[in-house]
Every structure is written in C-alpha cells, then in structure tokens.
Amino acid sequence: MIEELDEIEPILVPILKRDVEQDGSRSMFRIGDKVIEYNKDFKLYLSTRNTSMKLPSNTLAFVSLINYSVTQSGL
C-alpha cells in the first residue's frame, strides 16, 4: 500500500496498466531497465488525504477511484 500519494509517478504506469510480459511460464513487468516477476495475487492500493488531487486522463483509464471520505454529518 502506498499512502499519502500526491501524484502517480510515471514509473507506476506499467503496473497500473498490467503490462505483463510472458517468458515461458513466468509473468513479468518491465519497469525501466528492471524486470520484476508478477504474481497474479498482487494488488496495489494507493491512498491520499488530498481531496483536490487530479489524475491525468490517461491514468484514469487504469485505476478505480473510490472516495471514502468520512464527514461529521455521516457519523
């Protein structure tokens, strides 16, 4: 889990897009010049308290945005 996110770093885009490459029976991500083995059970959660954070439109296609704000009237 990544907390206090202010922006989505471009290095995370291959993970968000799930750009998985196959090498035989192995699934991998290529991030920059590194190859990281992919686990199908992997989940990435990003959270922030920044209510005015704007995501680039190309990133919105890859993420699910959930607003789970708690207000005084909601309690």
C-alpha atoms as a PDB file:
ATOM      1  CA  MET A   1       0.000   0.000   0.000  1.00  0.00           C
ATOM      2  CA  ILE A   2       1.237   3.481  -0.871  1.00  0.00           C
ATOM      3  CA  GLU A   3      -0.097   6.165   1.450  1.00  0.00           C
ATOM      4  CA  GLU A   4      -0.158   9.955   1.115  1.00  0.00           C
ATOM      5  CA  LEU A   5       0.010   9.911  -2.639  1.00  0.00           C
ATOM      6  CA  ASP A   6       0.256  13.368  -4.242  1.00  0.00           C
ATOM      7  CA  GLU A   7       0.586  12.208  -7.825  1.00  0.00           C
ATOM      8  CA  ILE A   8       1.011   8.975  -9.704  1.00  0.00           C
ATOM      9  CA  GLU A   9       4.608   8.560 -10.727  1.00  0.00           C
ATOM     10  CA  PRO A  10       5.140   7.539 -14.370  1.00  0.00           C
ATOM     11  CA  ILE A  11       7.180   4.548 -13.185  1.00  0.00           C
ATOM     12  CA  LEU A  12       3.940   3.014 -11.804  1.00  0.00           C
ATOM     13  CA  VAL A  13       2.063   3.157 -15.131  1.00  0.00           C
ATOM     14  CA  PRO A  14       3.184  -0.326 -16.363  1.00  0.00           C
ATOM     15  CA  ILE A  15       1.908  -1.802 -13.091  1.00  0.00           C
ATOM     16  CA  LEU A  16      -1.386   0.100 -13.300  1.00  0.00           C
ATOM     17  CA  LYS A  17      -1.858  -0.936 -16.926  1.00  0.00           C
ATOM     18  CA  ARG A  18      -0.891  -4.510 -16.041  1.00  0.00           C
ATOM     19  CA  ASP A  19       1.597  -4.650 -18.896  1.00  0.00           C
ATOM     20  CA  VAL A  20       2.570  -8.228 -18.151  1.00  0.00           C
ATOM     21  CA  GLU A  21       5.115  -9.964 -20.368  1.00  0.00           C
ATOM     22  CA  GLN A  22       5.325 -13.732 -20.655  1.00  0.00           C
ATOM     23  CA  ASP A  23       8.631 -15.603 -20.592  1.00  0.00           C
ATOM     24  CA  GLY A  24       7.651 -19.228 -20.819  1.00  0.00           C
ATOM     25  CA  SER A  25       5.528 -19.877 -17.758  1.00  0.00           C
ATOM     26  CA  ARG A  26       6.743 -16.748 -15.939  1.00  0.00           C
ATOM     27  CA  SER A  27       4.845 -13.450 -15.979  1.00  0.00           C
ATOM     28  CA  MET A  28       6.883 -10.273 -15.556  1.00  0.00           C
ATOM     29  CA  PHE A  29       6.668  -6.479 -15.514  1.00  0.00           C
ATOM     30  CA  ARG A  30       9.320  -4.396 -17.214  1.00  0.00           C
ATOM     31  CA  ILE A  31       9.865  -1.213 -15.235  1.00  0.00           C
ATOM     32  CA  GLY A  32      12.603   0.917 -16.691  1.00  0.00           C
ATOM     33  CA  ASP A  33      15.535  -1.438 -17.205  1.00  0.00           C
ATOM     34  CA  LYS A  34      14.416  -3.864 -14.472  1.00  0.00           C
ATOM     35  CA  VAL A  35      12.294  -6.973 -14.856  1.00  0.00           C
ATOM     36  CA  ILE A  36      10.080  -7.865 -11.904  1.00  0.00           C
ATOM     37  CA  GLU A  37       8.240 -11.166 -11.592  1.00  0.00           C
ATOM     38  CA  TYR A  38       4.453 -10.766 -11.453  1.00  0.00           C
ATOM     39  CA  ASN A  39       2.223 -12.596  -9.001  1.00  0.00           C
ATOM     40  CA  LYS A  40      -1.436 -12.905 -10.028  1.00  0.00           C
ATOM     41  CA  ASP A  41      -2.465 -12.241  -6.410  1.00  0.00           C
ATOM     42  CA  PHE A  42      -0.635  -8.888  -6.342  1.00  0.00           C
ATOM     43  CA  LYS A  43      -2.804  -5.871  -5.535  1.00  0.00           C
ATOM     44  CA  LEU A  44      -1.731  -2.247  -5.315  1.00  0.00           C
ATOM     45  CA  TYR A  45      -3.638   0.215  -3.162  1.00  0.00           C
ATOM     46  CA  LEU A  46      -2.883   3.914  -3.382  1.00  0.00           C
ATOM     47  CA  SER A  47      -4.358   6.328  -0.871  1.00  0.00           C
ATOM     48  CA  THR A  48      -4.248  10.024  -0.131  1.00  0.00           C
ATOM     49  CA  ARG A  49      -5.918  12.613   2.051  1.00  0.00           C
ATOM     50  CA  ASN A  50      -5.562  15.144  -0.733  1.00  0.00           C
ATOM     51  CA  THR A  51      -9.158  15.780  -1.861  1.00  0.00           C
ATOM     52  CA  SER A  52      -8.097  18.021  -4.724  1.00  0.00           C
ATOM     53  CA  MET A  53      -5.681  15.581  -6.369  1.00  0.00           C
ATOM     54  CA  LYS A  54      -6.194  15.448 -10.121  1.00  0.00           C
ATOM     55  CA  LEU A  55      -5.256  12.325 -12.035  1.00  0.00           C
ATOM     56  CA  PRO A  56      -4.146  12.554 -15.654  1.00  0.00           C
ATOM     57  CA  SER A  57      -6.850  11.352 -18.046  1.00  0.00           C
ATOM     58  CA  ASN A  58      -4.603   8.578 -19.382  1.00  0.00           C
ATOM     59  CA  THR A  59      -4.192   7.267 -15.818  1.00  0.00           C
ATOM     60  CA  LEU A  60      -7.920   7.329 -15.015  1.00  0.00           C
ATOM     61  CA  ALA A  61      -8.426   4.513 -17.524  1.00  0.00           C
ATOM     62  CA  PHE A  62      -6.297   2.173 -15.391  1.00  0.00           C
ATOM     63  CA  VAL A  63      -7.444   2.935 -11.837  1.00  0.00           C
ATOM     64  CA  SER A  64     -10.635   2.745  -9.813  1.00  0.00           C
ATOM     65  CA  LEU A  65     -11.150   5.937  -7.868  1.00  0.00           C
ATOM     66  CA  ILE A  66     -13.026   5.447  -4.610  1.00  0.00           C
ATOM     67  CA  ASN A  67     -13.949   8.368  -2.382  1.00  0.00           C
ATOM     68  CA  TYR A  68     -14.333   7.004   1.132  1.00  0.00           C
ATOM     69  CA  SER A  69     -14.359  10.336   2.922  1.00  0.00           C
ATOM     70  CA  VAL A  70     -15.917  10.478   6.364  1.00  0.00           C
ATOM     71  CA  THR A  71     -17.700  13.651   7.374  1.00  0.00           C
ATOM     72  CA  GLN A  72     -19.076  14.730  10.729  1.00  0.00           C
ATOM     73  CA  SER A  73     -22.653  14.517   9.419  1.00  0.00           C
ATOM     74  CA  GLY A  74     -22.009  10.997   8.142  1.00  0.00           C
ATOM     75  CA  LEU A  75     -21.098   9.735  11.573  1.00  0.00           C
END
